[in-house]
Amino acid sequence: FYYRYFENLSWCFLNEPPETRYTVCFQSPLFYNITLDERWFFTRAMGIIRSYFMVGFLIGGDINTMSIYSMSLRLLVEGQFFHPG
């Protein structure tokens, strides 16, 4: 997780209108480029290739394999503990 992820998630949740607050899944961005210049070449190359692959092929084909998301406990129970999307 990004080092301020939960702080940002709390801010987004509390600023969401109360009528839709419990029906929203919050998707965090995947940061492959945090201090990318300090990583090994293989790590940099794989991060860039994966980002390109996600944007160019999977998301374009309406297949989103990102597994990091946050939602309220109420939505989790209503969705029978599966991603409701």
C-alpha atoms as a PDB file:
ATOM      1  CA  PHE A   1       0.000   0.000   0.000  1.00  0.00           C
ATOM      2  CA  TYR A   2       0.995   3.582  -0.544  1.00  0.00           C
ATOM      3  CA  TYR A   3       2.154   4.979   2.792  1.00  0.00           C
ATOM      4  CA  ARG A   4      -0.878   7.312   3.143  1.00  0.00           C
ATOM      5  CA  TYR A   5      -3.450   4.952   1.624  1.00  0.00           C
ATOM      6  CA  PHE A   6      -5.646   4.548   4.705  1.00  0.00           C
ATOM      7  CA  GLU A   7      -5.607   8.275   5.401  1.00  0.00           C
ATOM      8  CA  ASN A   8      -6.765   8.961   1.841  1.00  0.00           C
ATOM      9  CA  LEU A   9      -9.308   6.145   1.969  1.00  0.00           C
ATOM     10  CA  SER A  10     -10.818   7.566   5.165  1.00  0.00           C
ATOM     11  CA  TRP A  11     -11.007  11.026   3.615  1.00  0.00           C
ATOM     12  CA  CYS A  12     -12.741   9.691   0.483  1.00  0.00           C
ATOM     13  CA  PHE A  13     -15.174   7.604   2.516  1.00  0.00           C
ATOM     14  CA  LEU A  14     -16.145  10.470   4.810  1.00  0.00           C
ATOM     15  CA  ASN A  15     -16.555  12.903   1.905  1.00  0.00           C
ATOM     16  CA  GLU A  16     -18.788  10.521  -0.043  1.00  0.00           C
ATOM     17  CA  PRO A  17     -22.484  11.470   0.291  1.00  0.00           C
ATOM     18  CA  PRO A  18     -24.139   9.433   3.079  1.00  0.00           C
ATOM     19  CA  GLU A  19     -26.674   7.899   0.690  1.00  0.00           C
ATOM     20  CA  THR A  20     -23.955   6.362  -1.513  1.00  0.00           C
ATOM     21  CA  ARG A  21     -21.170   5.919   1.055  1.00  0.00           C
ATOM     22  CA  TYR A  22     -21.910   2.241   1.663  1.00  0.00           C
ATOM     23  CA  THR A  23     -22.412   1.288  -1.990  1.00  0.00           C
ATOM     24  CA  VAL A  24     -19.011   2.311  -3.354  1.00  0.00           C
ATOM     25  CA  CYS A  25     -15.882   0.211  -3.886  1.00  0.00           C
ATOM     26  CA  PHE A  26     -12.716   2.239  -3.579  1.00  0.00           C
ATOM     27  CA  GLN A  27      -9.962   1.076  -5.949  1.00  0.00           C
ATOM     28  CA  SER A  28      -6.463   2.123  -5.014  1.00  0.00           C
ATOM     29  CA  PRO A  29      -4.025   2.938  -7.777  1.00  0.00           C
ATOM     30  CA  LEU A  30      -1.145   0.531  -8.127  1.00  0.00           C
ATOM     31  CA  PHE A  31       2.103   2.412  -7.822  1.00  0.00           C
ATOM     32  CA  TYR A  32       4.835   0.630  -9.719  1.00  0.00           C
ATOM     33  CA  ASN A  33       6.896   3.775 -10.067  1.00  0.00           C
ATOM     34  CA  ILE A  34       7.504   4.796  -6.444  1.00  0.00           C
ATOM     35  CA  THR A  35      11.285   5.299  -6.263  1.00  0.00           C
ATOM     36  CA  LEU A  36      11.545   3.445  -9.554  1.00  0.00           C
ATOM     37  CA  ASP A  37      14.989   4.904 -10.142  1.00  0.00           C
ATOM     38  CA  GLU A  38      16.262   3.066  -7.039  1.00  0.00           C
ATOM     39  CA  ARG A  39      15.003  -0.373  -8.104  1.00  0.00           C
ATOM     40  CA  TRP A  40      16.817  -3.136  -9.926  1.00  0.00           C
ATOM     41  CA  PHE A  41      16.542  -3.134 -13.721  1.00  0.00           C
ATOM     42  CA  PHE A  42      14.370  -6.265 -13.748  1.00  0.00           C
ATOM     43  CA  THR A  43      11.918  -4.716 -11.278  1.00  0.00           C
ATOM     44  CA  ARG A  44      11.714  -1.496 -13.297  1.00  0.00           C
ATOM     45  CA  ALA A  45      11.196  -3.368 -16.544  1.00  0.00           C
ATOM     46  CA  MET A  46       8.479  -5.633 -15.113  1.00  0.00           C
ATOM     47  CA  GLY A  47       6.660  -2.675 -13.513  1.00  0.00           C
ATOM     48  CA  ILE A  48       6.594  -0.763 -16.783  1.00  0.00           C
ATOM     49  CA  ILE A  49       5.569  -3.836 -18.810  1.00  0.00           C
ATOM     50  CA  ARG A  50       2.797  -4.717 -16.357  1.00  0.00           C
ATOM     51  CA  SER A  51       1.428  -1.172 -16.398  1.00  0.00           C
ATOM     52  CA  TYR A  52       1.445  -1.175 -20.195  1.00  0.00           C
ATOM     53  CA  PHE A  53      -0.190  -4.609 -20.294  1.00  0.00           C
ATOM     54  CA  MET A  54      -2.953  -3.559 -17.881  1.00  0.00           C
ATOM     55  CA  VAL A  55      -3.799  -0.369 -19.742  1.00  0.00           C
ATOM     56  CA  GLY A  56      -3.313  -1.707 -23.268  1.00  0.00           C
ATOM     57  CA  PHE A  57      -4.903  -5.122 -23.105  1.00  0.00           C
ATOM     58  CA  LEU A  58      -6.787  -6.106 -19.981  1.00  0.00           C
ATOM     59  CA  ILE A  59      -8.639  -2.890 -19.161  1.00  0.00           C
ATOM     60  CA  GLY A  60      -9.277  -2.318 -22.863  1.00  0.00           C
ATOM     61  CA  GLY A  61     -10.844  -5.787 -22.998  1.00  0.00           C
ATOM     62  CA  ASP A  62     -12.984  -5.015 -19.922  1.00  0.00           C
ATOM     63  CA  ILE A  63     -10.935  -7.452 -17.823  1.00  0.00           C
ATOM     64  CA  ASN A  64      -9.647  -5.828 -14.660  1.00  0.00           C
ATOM     65  CA  THR A  65      -7.494  -8.149 -12.584  1.00  0.00           C
ATOM     66  CA  MET A  66      -6.535  -5.664  -9.886  1.00  0.00           C
ATOM     67  CA  SER A  67      -7.183  -7.270  -6.541  1.00  0.00           C
ATOM     68  CA  ILE A  68      -6.725  -4.314  -4.201  1.00  0.00           C
ATOM     69  CA  TYR A  69      -9.968  -2.597  -3.328  1.00  0.00           C
ATOM     70  CA  SER A  70     -11.728  -1.366  -0.220  1.00  0.00           C
ATOM     71  CA  MET A  71     -15.407  -1.319   0.616  1.00  0.00           C
ATOM     72  CA  SER A  72     -17.619  -1.021   3.650  1.00  0.00           C
ATOM     73  CA  LEU A  73     -18.482  -4.012   5.788  1.00  0.00           C
ATOM     74  CA  ARG A  74     -22.148  -3.463   4.926  1.00  0.00           C
ATOM     75  CA  LEU A  75     -21.429  -3.776   1.195  1.00  0.00           C
ATOM     76  CA  LEU A  76     -19.225  -6.801   1.822  1.00  0.00           C
ATOM     77  CA  VAL A  77     -22.051  -8.596   3.671  1.00  0.00           C
ATOM     78  CA  GLU A  78     -24.648  -7.575   1.052  1.00  0.00           C
ATOM     79  CA  GLY A  79     -22.349  -8.900  -1.684  1.00  0.00           C
ATOM     80  CA  GLN A  80     -21.977 -12.198   0.193  1.00  0.00           C
ATOM     81  CA  PHE A  81     -18.254 -11.550   0.668  1.00  0.00           C
ATOM     82  CA  PHE A  82     -17.539 -11.261  -3.069  1.00  0.00           C
ATOM     83  CA  HIS A  83     -16.648  -8.188  -5.087  1.00  0.00           C
ATOM     84  CA  PRO A  84     -20.038  -6.785  -6.099  1.00  0.00           C
ATOM     85  CA  GLY A  85     -18.778  -5.448  -9.437  1.00  0.00           C
END
